All heavy atoms as atom14 arrays in JSON, in Angstrom:
{
  "sequence": "AHLTKLPTTLAADALAQQLLSARAVPKSAAADAEHIAIATVHGVDYLV",
  "atom14_mask": [
    [1, 1, 1, 1, 1, 0, 0, 0, 0, 0, 0, 0, 0, 0],
    [1, 1, 1, 1, 1, 1, 1, 1, 1, 1, 0, 0, 0, 0],
    [1, 1, 1, 1, 1, 1, 1, 1, 0, 0, 0, 0, 0, 0],
    [1, 1, 1, 1, 1, 1, 1, 0, 0, 0, 0, 0, 0, 0],
    [1, 1, 1, 1, 1, 1, 1, 1, 1, 0, 0, 0, 0, 0],
    [1, 1, 1, 1, 1, 1, 1, 1, 0, 0, 0, 0, 0, 0],
    [1, 1, 1, 1, 1, 1, 1, 0, 0, 0, 0, 0, 0, 0],
    [1, 1, 1, 1, 1, 1, 1, 0, 0, 0, 0, 0, 0, 0],
    [1, 1, 1, 1, 1, 1, 1, 0, 0, 0, 0, 0, 0, 0],
    [1, 1, 1, 1, 1, 1, 1, 1, 0, 0, 0, 0, 0, 0],
    [1, 1, 1, 1, 1, 0, 0, 0, 0, 0, 0, 0, 0, 0],
    [1, 1, 1, 1, 1, 0, 0, 0, 0, 0, 0, 0, 0, 0],
    [1, 1, 1, 1, 1, 1, 1, 1, 0, 0, 0, 0, 0, 0],
    [1, 1, 1, 1, 1, 0, 0, 0, 0, 0, 0, 0, 0, 0],
    [1, 1, 1, 1, 1, 1, 1, 1, 0, 0, 0, 0, 0, 0],
    [1, 1, 1, 1, 1, 0, 0, 0, 0, 0, 0, 0, 0, 0],
    [1, 1, 1, 1, 1, 1, 1, 1, 1, 0, 0, 0, 0, 0],
    [1, 1, 1, 1, 1, 1, 1, 1, 1, 0, 0, 0, 0, 0],
    [1, 1, 1, 1, 1, 1, 1, 1, 0, 0, 0, 0, 0, 0],
    [1, 1, 1, 1, 1, 1, 1, 1, 0, 0, 0, 0, 0, 0],
    [1, 1, 1, 1, 1, 1, 0, 0, 0, 0, 0, 0, 0, 0],
    [1, 1, 1, 1, 1, 0, 0, 0, 0, 0, 0, 0, 0, 0],
    [1, 1, 1, 1, 1, 1, 1, 1, 1, 1, 1, 0, 0, 0],
    [1, 1, 1, 1, 1, 0, 0, 0, 0, 0, 0, 0, 0, 0],
    [1, 1, 1, 1, 1, 1, 1, 0, 0, 0, 0, 0, 0, 0],
    [1, 1, 1, 1, 1, 1, 1, 0, 0, 0, 0, 0, 0, 0],
    [1, 1, 1, 1, 1, 1, 1, 1, 1, 0, 0, 0, 0, 0],
    [1, 1, 1, 1, 1, 1, 0, 0, 0, 0, 0, 0, 0, 0],
    [1, 1, 1, 1, 1, 0, 0, 0, 0, 0, 0, 0, 0, 0],
    [1, 1, 1, 1, 1, 0, 0, 0, 0, 0, 0, 0, 0, 0],
    [1, 1, 1, 1, 1, 0, 0, 0, 0, 0, 0, 0, 0, 0],
    [1, 1, 1, 1, 1, 1, 1, 1, 0, 0, 0, 0, 0, 0],
    [1, 1, 1, 1, 1, 0, 0, 0, 0, 0, 0, 0, 0, 0],
    [1, 1, 1, 1, 1, 1, 1, 1, 1, 0, 0, 0, 0, 0],
    [1, 1, 1, 1, 1, 1, 1, 1, 1, 1, 0, 0, 0, 0],
    [1, 1, 1, 1, 1, 1, 1, 1, 0, 0, 0, 0, 0, 0],
    [1, 1, 1, 1, 1, 0, 0, 0, 0, 0, 0, 0, 0, 0],
    [1, 1, 1, 1, 1, 1, 1, 1, 0, 0, 0, 0, 0, 0],
    [1, 1, 1, 1, 1, 0, 0, 0, 0, 0, 0, 0, 0, 0],
    [1, 1, 1, 1, 1, 1, 1, 0, 0, 0, 0, 0, 0, 0],
    [1, 1, 1, 1, 1, 1, 1, 0, 0, 0, 0, 0, 0, 0],
    [1, 1, 1, 1, 1, 1, 1, 1, 1, 1, 0, 0, 0, 0],
    [1, 1, 1, 1, 0, 0, 0, 0, 0, 0, 0, 0, 0, 0],
    [1, 1, 1, 1, 1, 1, 1, 0, 0, 0, 0, 0, 0, 0],
    [1, 1, 1, 1, 1, 1, 1, 1, 0, 0, 0, 0, 0, 0],
    [1, 1, 1, 1, 1, 1, 1, 1, 1, 1, 1, 1, 0, 0],
    [1, 1, 1, 1, 1, 1, 1, 1, 0, 0, 0, 0, 0, 0],
    [1, 1, 1, 1, 1, 1, 1, 0, 0, 0, 0, 0, 0, 0]
  ],
  "atom14_positions": [
    [[55.09, -5.75, -50.15], [54.57, -4.34, -50.18], [53.03, -4.28, -50.21], [52.46, -3.27, -49.65], [55.01, -3.61, -51.49], [0.0, 0.0, 0.0], [0.0, 0.0, 0.0], [0.0, 0.0, 0.0], [0.0, 0.0, 0.0], [0.0, 0.0, 0.0], [0.0, 0.0, 0.0], [0.0, 0.0, 0.0], [0.0, 0.0, 0.0], [0.0, 0.0, 0.0]],
    [[52.31, -5.31, -50.66], [50.8, -5.19, -50.8], [50.14, -5.73, -49.47], [48.94, -5.6, -49.39], [50.38, -6.04, -51.9], [50.57, -7.55, -51.84], [51.88, -8.12, -51.83], [49.76, -8.54, -51.55], [51.8, -9.38, -51.68], [50.6, -9.63, -51.47], [0.0, 0.0, 0.0], [0.0, 0.0, 0.0], [0.0, 0.0, 0.0], [0.0, 0.0, 0.0]],
    [[50.92, -6.32, -48.66], [50.31, -6.96, -47.39], [49.85, -5.86, -46.39], [50.45, -4.79, -46.28], [51.3, -7.79, -46.8], [51.77, -9.08, -47.48], [52.66, -10.0, -46.65], [50.65, -9.87, -48.12], [0.0, 0.0, 0.0], [0.0, 0.0, 0.0], [0.0, 0.0, 0.0], [0.0, 0.0, 0.0], [0.0, 0.0, 0.0], [0.0, 0.0, 0.0]],
    [[48.86, -6.28, -45.59], [48.43, -5.3, -44.58], [49.38, -5.27, -43.43], [50.13, -6.35, -43.1], [47.06, -5.88, -43.97], [46.09, -5.76, -44.95], [46.59, -5.04, -42.75], [0.0, 0.0, 0.0], [0.0, 0.0, 0.0], [0.0, 0.0, 0.0], [0.0, 0.0, 0.0], [0.0, 0.0, 0.0], [0.0, 0.0, 0.0], [0.0, 0.0, 0.0]],
    [[49.63, -4.08, -42.89], [50.68, -4.01, -41.78], [49.86, -3.81, -40.48], [48.91, -3.23, -40.37], [51.57, -2.78, -42.05], [52.64, -2.93, -43.13], [52.03, -2.74, -44.41], [53.07, -2.81, -45.51], [52.58, -2.86, -46.91], [0.0, 0.0, 0.0], [0.0, 0.0, 0.0], [0.0, 0.0, 0.0], [0.0, 0.0, 0.0], [0.0, 0.0, 0.0]],
    [[50.51, -4.39, -39.38], [49.95, -4.26, -38.07], [50.57, -3.12, -37.41], [51.78, -3.0, -37.28], [50.05, -5.52, -37.29], [49.44, -6.78, -37.79], [49.81, -7.89, -36.91], [47.95, -6.64, -38.07], [0.0, 0.0, 0.0], [0.0, 0.0, 0.0], [0.0, 0.0, 0.0], [0.0, 0.0, 0.0], [0.0, 0.0, 0.0], [0.0, 0.0, 0.0]],
    [[49.69, -2.05, -36.89], [50.34, -0.84, -36.26], [50.99, -1.16, -34.89], [50.61, -2.11, -34.29], [49.18, 0.06, -36.23], [47.86, -0.83, -36.14], [48.27, -1.98, -37.03], [0.0, 0.0, 0.0], [0.0, 0.0, 0.0], [0.0, 0.0, 0.0], [0.0, 0.0, 0.0], [0.0, 0.0, 0.0], [0.0, 0.0, 0.0], [0.0, 0.0, 0.0]],
    [[51.82, -0.29, -34.5], [52.47, -0.41, -33.2], [51.42, 0.06, -32.1], [50.62, 1.04, -32.37], [53.66, 0.45, -33.17], [54.59, -0.05, -34.16], [54.4, 0.42, -31.76], [0.0, 0.0, 0.0], [0.0, 0.0, 0.0], [0.0, 0.0, 0.0], [0.0, 0.0, 0.0], [0.0, 0.0, 0.0], [0.0, 0.0, 0.0], [0.0, 0.0, 0.0]],
    [[51.44, -0.46, -30.93], [50.57, -0.09, -29.88], [51.39, -0.07, -28.54], [52.36, -0.79, -28.41], [49.36, -1.0, -29.66], [49.73, -2.33, -29.34], [48.55, -1.13, -30.99], [0.0, 0.0, 0.0], [0.0, 0.0, 0.0], [0.0, 0.0, 0.0], [0.0, 0.0, 0.0], [0.0, 0.0, 0.0], [0.0, 0.0, 0.0], [0.0, 0.0, 0.0]],
    [[50.83, 0.72, -27.59], [51.44, 0.63, -26.25], [51.48, -0.7, -25.65], [52.35, -1.18, -24.94], [50.79, 1.58, -25.34], [50.92, 3.15, -25.69], [49.94, 4.01, -24.84], [52.36, 3.53, -25.24], [0.0, 0.0, 0.0], [0.0, 0.0, 0.0], [0.0, 0.0, 0.0], [0.0, 0.0, 0.0], [0.0, 0.0, 0.0], [0.0, 0.0, 0.0]],
    [[50.4, -1.43, -25.91], [50.21, -2.91, -25.31], [51.29, -3.75, -25.92], [51.88, -4.59, -25.21], [48.85, -3.3, -25.67], [0.0, 0.0, 0.0], [0.0, 0.0, 0.0], [0.0, 0.0, 0.0], [0.0, 0.0, 0.0], [0.0, 0.0, 0.0], [0.0, 0.0, 0.0], [0.0, 0.0, 0.0], [0.0, 0.0, 0.0], [0.0, 0.0, 0.0]],
    [[51.6, -3.65, -27.16], [52.58, -4.45, -27.79], [53.96, -4.05, -27.16], [54.81, -4.97, -26.92], [52.64, -4.31, -29.29], [0.0, 0.0, 0.0], [0.0, 0.0, 0.0], [0.0, 0.0, 0.0], [0.0, 0.0, 0.0], [0.0, 0.0, 0.0], [0.0, 0.0, 0.0], [0.0, 0.0, 0.0], [0.0, 0.0, 0.0], [0.0, 0.0, 0.0]],
    [[54.23, -2.83, -27.0], [55.46, -2.4, -26.35], [55.66, -2.98, -24.91], [56.7, -3.55, -24.59], [55.56, -0.79, -26.21], [55.69, -0.13, -27.5], [55.92, -0.93, -28.49], [55.6, 1.07, -27.55], [0.0, 0.0, 0.0], [0.0, 0.0, 0.0], [0.0, 0.0, 0.0], [0.0, 0.0, 0.0], [0.0, 0.0, 0.0], [0.0, 0.0, 0.0]],
    [[54.58, -2.92, -24.19], [54.68, -3.48, -22.75], [54.82, -5.01, -22.8], [55.68, -5.5, -21.99], [53.34, -3.13, -22.1], [0.0, 0.0, 0.0], [0.0, 0.0, 0.0], [0.0, 0.0, 0.0], [0.0, 0.0, 0.0], [0.0, 0.0, 0.0], [0.0, 0.0, 0.0], [0.0, 0.0, 0.0], [0.0, 0.0, 0.0], [0.0, 0.0, 0.0]],
    [[54.26, -5.71, -23.71], [54.42, -7.22, -23.75], [55.85, -7.52, -24.28], [56.46, -8.43, -23.69], [53.38, -7.78, -24.68], [53.44, -9.28, -24.71], [53.28, -10.04, -23.42], [52.27, -9.84, -25.67], [0.0, 0.0, 0.0], [0.0, 0.0, 0.0], [0.0, 0.0, 0.0], [0.0, 0.0, 0.0], [0.0, 0.0, 0.0], [0.0, 0.0, 0.0]],
    [[56.28, -6.81, -25.25], [57.78, -7.12, -25.66], [58.65, -6.82, -24.52], [59.6, -7.64, -24.4], [58.0, -6.06, -26.86], [0.0, 0.0, 0.0], [0.0, 0.0, 0.0], [0.0, 0.0, 0.0], [0.0, 0.0, 0.0], [0.0, 0.0, 0.0], [0.0, 0.0, 0.0], [0.0, 0.0, 0.0], [0.0, 0.0, 0.0], [0.0, 0.0, 0.0]],
    [[58.51, -5.82, -23.74], [59.44, -5.6, -22.69], [59.31, -6.72, -21.56], [60.29, -7.12, -21.02], [59.06, -4.2, -22.01], [59.51, -3.08, -22.9], [59.34, -1.74, -22.23], [60.1, -1.41, -21.41], [58.3, -0.95, -22.63], [0.0, 0.0, 0.0], [0.0, 0.0, 0.0], [0.0, 0.0, 0.0], [0.0, 0.0, 0.0], [0.0, 0.0, 0.0]],
    [[58.09, -7.28, -21.39], [57.85, -8.36, -20.37], [58.65, -9.6, -20.93], [59.19, -10.36, -20.18], [56.41, -8.6, -20.2], [55.7, -7.52, -19.53], [54.17, -7.71, -19.36], [53.77, -8.81, -18.99], [53.44, -6.74, -19.7], [0.0, 0.0, 0.0], [0.0, 0.0, 0.0], [0.0, 0.0, 0.0], [0.0, 0.0, 0.0], [0.0, 0.0, 0.0]],
    [[58.5, -9.97, -22.27], [59.15, -11.01, -22.83], [60.7, -10.89, -22.67], [61.43, -11.9, -22.31], [58.91, -11.06, -24.35], [57.42, -11.53, -24.58], [57.04, -11.31, -26.07], [57.23, -13.08, -24.36], [0.0, 0.0, 0.0], [0.0, 0.0, 0.0], [0.0, 0.0, 0.0], [0.0, 0.0, 0.0], [0.0, 0.0, 0.0], [0.0, 0.0, 0.0]],
    [[61.31, -9.81, -22.81], [62.67, -9.54, -22.6], [63.08, -9.62, -21.18], [64.12, -10.22, -20.8], [63.11, -8.19, -23.29], [62.91, -7.99, -24.79], [63.11, -6.51, -25.2], [63.93, -8.9, -25.55], [0.0, 0.0, 0.0], [0.0, 0.0, 0.0], [0.0, 0.0, 0.0], [0.0, 0.0, 0.0], [0.0, 0.0, 0.0], [0.0, 0.0, 0.0]],
    [[62.31, -8.97, -20.25], [62.62, -9.06, -18.91], [62.67, -10.49, -18.31], [63.43, -10.8, -17.53], [61.56, -8.15, -18.14], [61.71, -6.73, -18.47], [0.0, 0.0, 0.0], [0.0, 0.0, 0.0], [0.0, 0.0, 0.0], [0.0, 0.0, 0.0], [0.0, 0.0, 0.0], [0.0, 0.0, 0.0], [0.0, 0.0, 0.0], [0.0, 0.0, 0.0]],
    [[61.65, -11.25, -18.87], [61.59, -12.71, -18.32], [62.56, -13.62, -18.98], [62.64, -14.73, -18.67], [60.19, -13.11, -18.57], [0.0, 0.0, 0.0], [0.0, 0.0, 0.0], [0.0, 0.0, 0.0], [0.0, 0.0, 0.0], [0.0, 0.0, 0.0], [0.0, 0.0, 0.0], [0.0, 0.0, 0.0], [0.0, 0.0, 0.0], [0.0, 0.0, 0.0]],
    [[63.34, -13.07, -19.95], [64.38, -13.75, -20.66], [63.68, -14.91, -21.6], [64.31, -15.89, -21.85], [65.43, -14.35, -19.87], [66.21, -13.28, -19.13], [67.35, -13.82, -18.37], [68.12, -12.78, -17.69], [69.21, -12.97, -16.77], [69.58, -14.27, -16.52], [69.7, -12.0, -16.23], [0.0, 0.0, 0.0], [0.0, 0.0, 0.0], [0.0, 0.0, 0.0]],
    [[62.39, -14.69, -21.89], [61.79, -15.61, -22.84], [62.35, -15.43, -24.25], [62.33, -16.31, -25.0], [60.24, -15.37, -22.86], [0.0, 0.0, 0.0], [0.0, 0.0, 0.0], [0.0, 0.0, 0.0], [0.0, 0.0, 0.0], [0.0, 0.0, 0.0], [0.0, 0.0, 0.0], [0.0, 0.0, 0.0], [0.0, 0.0, 0.0], [0.0, 0.0, 0.0]],
    [[62.77, -14.19, -24.4], [63.54, -13.85, -25.67], [64.78, -13.15, -25.34], [64.66, -12.22, -24.37], [62.72, -12.94, -26.63], [63.45, -12.52, -27.94], [61.29, -13.68, -27.06], [0.0, 0.0, 0.0], [0.0, 0.0, 0.0], [0.0, 0.0, 0.0], [0.0, 0.0, 0.0], [0.0, 0.0, 0.0], [0.0, 0.0, 0.0], [0.0, 0.0, 0.0]],
    [[65.92, -13.5, -25.9], [67.25, -12.75, -25.44], [67.33, -11.4, -25.96], [66.65, -11.08, -26.95], [68.29, -13.63, -26.22], [67.59, -14.34, -27.26], [66.27, -14.68, -26.84], [0.0, 0.0, 0.0], [0.0, 0.0, 0.0], [0.0, 0.0, 0.0], [0.0, 0.0, 0.0], [0.0, 0.0, 0.0], [0.0, 0.0, 0.0], [0.0, 0.0, 0.0]],
    [[67.92, -10.55, -25.18], [67.98, -9.13, -25.54], [68.67, -8.98, -26.81], [68.45, -7.91, -27.59], [68.66, -8.39, -24.47], [67.86, -8.13, -23.11], [68.58, -7.33, -22.15], [67.65, -7.17, -20.93], [68.35, -6.33, -20.04], [0.0, 0.0, 0.0], [0.0, 0.0, 0.0], [0.0, 0.0, 0.0], [0.0, 0.0, 0.0], [0.0, 0.0, 0.0]],
    [[69.55, -9.87, -27.34], [70.2, -9.73, -28.57], [69.32, -9.93, -29.76], [69.59, -9.6, -30.92], [71.31, -10.71, -28.68], [70.85, -12.05, -28.63], [0.0, 0.0, 0.0], [0.0, 0.0, 0.0], [0.0, 0.0, 0.0], [0.0, 0.0, 0.0], [0.0, 0.0, 0.0], [0.0, 0.0, 0.0], [0.0, 0.0, 0.0], [0.0, 0.0, 0.0]],
    [[68.05, -10.46, -29.51], [67.06, -10.73, -30.4], [65.75, -9.93, -30.07], [64.64, -10.45, -30.16], [66.82, -12.12, -30.73], [0.0, 0.0, 0.0], [0.0, 0.0, 0.0], [0.0, 0.0, 0.0], [0.0, 0.0, 0.0], [0.0, 0.0, 0.0], [0.0, 0.0, 0.0], [0.0, 0.0, 0.0], [0.0, 0.0, 0.0], [0.0, 0.0, 0.0]],
    [[65.94, -8.66, -29.66], [64.84, -7.97, -29.2], [63.68, -7.78, -30.23], [62.4, -7.69, -29.91], [65.14, -6.52, -28.69], [0.0, 0.0, 0.0], [0.0, 0.0, 0.0], [0.0, 0.0, 0.0], [0.0, 0.0, 0.0], [0.0, 0.0, 0.0], [0.0, 0.0, 0.0], [0.0, 0.0, 0.0], [0.0, 0.0, 0.0], [0.0, 0.0, 0.0]],
    [[64.09, -7.78, -31.51], [63.07, -7.63, -32.65], [62.14, -8.86, -32.58], [60.97, -8.68, -32.95], [63.83, -7.51, -33.88], [0.0, 0.0, 0.0], [0.0, 0.0, 0.0], [0.0, 0.0, 0.0], [0.0, 0.0, 0.0], [0.0, 0.0, 0.0], [0.0, 0.0, 0.0], [0.0, 0.0, 0.0], [0.0, 0.0, 0.0], [0.0, 0.0, 0.0]],
    [[62.65, -9.95, -32.14], [61.75, -11.22, -32.04], [60.66, -10.99, -31.02], [59.58, -11.41, -31.22], [62.59, -12.48, -31.81], [63.37, -12.83, -33.05], [62.99, -12.6, -34.17], [64.44, -13.4, -32.83], [0.0, 0.0, 0.0], [0.0, 0.0, 0.0], [0.0, 0.0, 0.0], [0.0, 0.0, 0.0], [0.0, 0.0, 0.0], [0.0, 0.0, 0.0]],
    [[61.0, -10.34, -29.92], [60.07, -9.97, -28.88], [58.96, -9.12, -29.4], [57.85, -9.25, -29.01], [60.81, -9.35, -27.64], [0.0, 0.0, 0.0], [0.0, 0.0, 0.0], [0.0, 0.0, 0.0], [0.0, 0.0, 0.0], [0.0, 0.0, 0.0], [0.0, 0.0, 0.0], [0.0, 0.0, 0.0], [0.0, 0.0, 0.0], [0.0, 0.0, 0.0]],
    [[59.41, -8.16, -30.33], [58.44, -7.19, -30.9], [57.53, -8.01, -31.86], [56.27, -7.7, -31.86], [59.13, -6.16, -31.61], [60.0, -5.25, -30.73], [60.85, -4.19, -31.47], [60.85, -4.22, -32.78], [61.57, -3.42, -30.91], [0.0, 0.0, 0.0], [0.0, 0.0, 0.0], [0.0, 0.0, 0.0], [0.0, 0.0, 0.0], [0.0, 0.0, 0.0]],
    [[57.95, -8.9, -32.61], [57.16, -9.74, -33.45], [56.15, -10.46, -32.72], [54.94, -10.45, -33.12], [58.04, -10.8, -34.31], [59.04, -10.15, -35.25], [58.72, -9.13, -36.17], [60.33, -10.33, -35.43], [59.81, -8.8, -36.78], [60.83, -9.56, -36.48], [0.0, 0.0, 0.0], [0.0, 0.0, 0.0], [0.0, 0.0, 0.0], [0.0, 0.0, 0.0]],
    [[56.57, -11.08, -31.64], [55.6, -11.93, -30.84], [54.54, -10.91, -30.2], [53.4, -11.35, -30.26], [56.32, -12.72, -29.75], [57.33, -13.7, -30.32], [55.38, -13.36, -28.84], [58.44, -14.23, -29.33], [0.0, 0.0, 0.0], [0.0, 0.0, 0.0], [0.0, 0.0, 0.0], [0.0, 0.0, 0.0], [0.0, 0.0, 0.0], [0.0, 0.0, 0.0]],
    [[54.96, -9.9, -29.57], [54.12, -9.01, -28.89], [53.05, -8.38, -29.93], [51.85, -8.29, -29.68], [54.9, -7.92, -28.26], [0.0, 0.0, 0.0], [0.0, 0.0, 0.0], [0.0, 0.0, 0.0], [0.0, 0.0, 0.0], [0.0, 0.0, 0.0], [0.0, 0.0, 0.0], [0.0, 0.0, 0.0], [0.0, 0.0, 0.0], [0.0, 0.0, 0.0]],
    [[53.56, -7.92, -31.08], [52.58, -7.34, -32.02], [51.48, -8.3, -32.52], [50.35, -8.1, -32.49], [53.33, -6.72, -33.24], [54.15, -5.51, -32.74], [52.45, -6.24, -34.27], [55.21, -5.03, -33.8], [0.0, 0.0, 0.0], [0.0, 0.0, 0.0], [0.0, 0.0, 0.0], [0.0, 0.0, 0.0], [0.0, 0.0, 0.0], [0.0, 0.0, 0.0]],
    [[52.08, -9.58, -32.85], [51.03, -10.57, -33.31], [50.11, -10.91, -32.23], [48.88, -11.14, -32.54], [51.86, -11.79, -33.81], [0.0, 0.0, 0.0], [0.0, 0.0, 0.0], [0.0, 0.0, 0.0], [0.0, 0.0, 0.0], [0.0, 0.0, 0.0], [0.0, 0.0, 0.0], [0.0, 0.0, 0.0], [0.0, 0.0, 0.0], [0.0, 0.0, 0.0]],
    [[50.62, -11.01, -30.98], [49.81, -11.48, -29.88], [48.66, -10.42, -29.57], [47.55, -10.84, -29.38], [50.68, -11.67, -28.7], [51.52, -12.84, -29.03], [49.77, -12.11, -27.46], [0.0, 0.0, 0.0], [0.0, 0.0, 0.0], [0.0, 0.0, 0.0], [0.0, 0.0, 0.0], [0.0, 0.0, 0.0], [0.0, 0.0, 0.0], [0.0, 0.0, 0.0]],
    [[49.08, -9.13, -29.38], [48.06, -8.17, -28.94], [46.97, -7.83, -29.98], [45.83, -7.51, -29.75], [48.7, -6.83, -28.52], [49.62, -7.13, -27.33], [49.39, -6.03, -29.67], [0.0, 0.0, 0.0], [0.0, 0.0, 0.0], [0.0, 0.0, 0.0], [0.0, 0.0, 0.0], [0.0, 0.0, 0.0], [0.0, 0.0, 0.0], [0.0, 0.0, 0.0]],
    [[47.39, -8.16, -31.24], [46.39, -7.98, -32.42], [45.6, -9.19, -32.58], [44.76, -9.35, -33.53], [47.22, -7.5, -33.66], [47.48, -6.13, -33.67], [46.63, -5.2, -34.12], [48.7, -5.51, -33.43], [47.18, -3.9, -34.05], [48.54, -4.13, -33.68], [0.0, 0.0, 0.0], [0.0, 0.0, 0.0], [0.0, 0.0, 0.0], [0.0, 0.0, 0.0]],
    [[45.78, -10.21, -31.85], [45.09, -11.42, -31.96], [45.22, -12.21, -33.24], [44.34, -12.96, -33.63], [0.0, 0.0, 0.0], [0.0, 0.0, 0.0], [0.0, 0.0, 0.0], [0.0, 0.0, 0.0], [0.0, 0.0, 0.0], [0.0, 0.0, 0.0], [0.0, 0.0, 0.0], [0.0, 0.0, 0.0], [0.0, 0.0, 0.0], [0.0, 0.0, 0.0]],
    [[46.44, -12.13, -33.78], [46.87, -12.89, -34.87], [46.93, -14.41, -34.57], [47.23, -14.83, -33.45], [48.26, -12.45, -35.48], [48.68, -13.38, -36.57], [48.18, -11.09, -35.91], [0.0, 0.0, 0.0], [0.0, 0.0, 0.0], [0.0, 0.0, 0.0], [0.0, 0.0, 0.0], [0.0, 0.0, 0.0], [0.0, 0.0, 0.0], [0.0, 0.0, 0.0]],
    [[46.51, -15.19, -35.43], [46.33, -16.64, -35.2], [47.73, -17.44, -35.19], [48.04, -18.11, -34.33], [45.47, -17.37, -36.27], [44.05, -16.7, -36.28], [43.28, -17.08, -35.32], [43.8, -15.78, -37.04], [0.0, 0.0, 0.0], [0.0, 0.0, 0.0], [0.0, 0.0, 0.0], [0.0, 0.0, 0.0], [0.0, 0.0, 0.0], [0.0, 0.0, 0.0]],
    [[48.59, -17.13, -36.14], [49.87, -17.77, -36.32], [50.98, -16.9, -36.69], [50.79, -15.84, -37.43], [49.72, -18.82, -37.38], [48.6, -19.81, -37.3], [47.51, -19.62, -38.04], [48.62, -20.8, -36.33], [46.34, -20.42, -37.82], [47.55, -21.61, -36.08], [46.42, -21.46, -36.89], [45.38, -22.26, -36.66], [0.0, 0.0, 0.0], [0.0, 0.0, 0.0]],
    [[52.15, -17.18, -36.17], [53.36, -16.53, -36.48], [54.28, -17.56, -37.16], [54.64, -18.52, -36.44], [53.99, -15.86, -35.27], [55.29, -14.96, -35.48], [55.42, -14.11, -34.35], [56.53, -15.68, -35.81], [0.0, 0.0, 0.0], [0.0, 0.0, 0.0], [0.0, 0.0, 0.0], [0.0, 0.0, 0.0], [0.0, 0.0, 0.0], [0.0, 0.0, 0.0]],
    [[54.63, -17.43, -38.36], [55.38, -18.48, -38.99], [56.87, -17.99, -39.12], [57.12, -16.79, -39.47], [54.86, -18.91, -40.35], [53.56, -19.63, -40.24], [54.8, -17.64, -41.31], [0.0, 0.0, 0.0], [0.0, 0.0, 0.0], [0.0, 0.0, 0.0], [0.0, 0.0, 0.0], [0.0, 0.0, 0.0], [0.0, 0.0, 0.0], [0.0, 0.0, 0.0]]
  ]
}
C-alpha cells in the first residue's frame, strides 16, 4: 500500500500490444505484457 505506483500511459499500452502480437508473451498472460511494458517505458531498472 505504501509503495509508489507507476501510472498507465499510451506508450505502455502500445508496447504491451506489440509484445502480445509478437507472441513474446502469450495472450493468456496478457497482464505479464502489461507489467513488462509499464516497467520498460518508465525506465525501471529491474522487474523481479
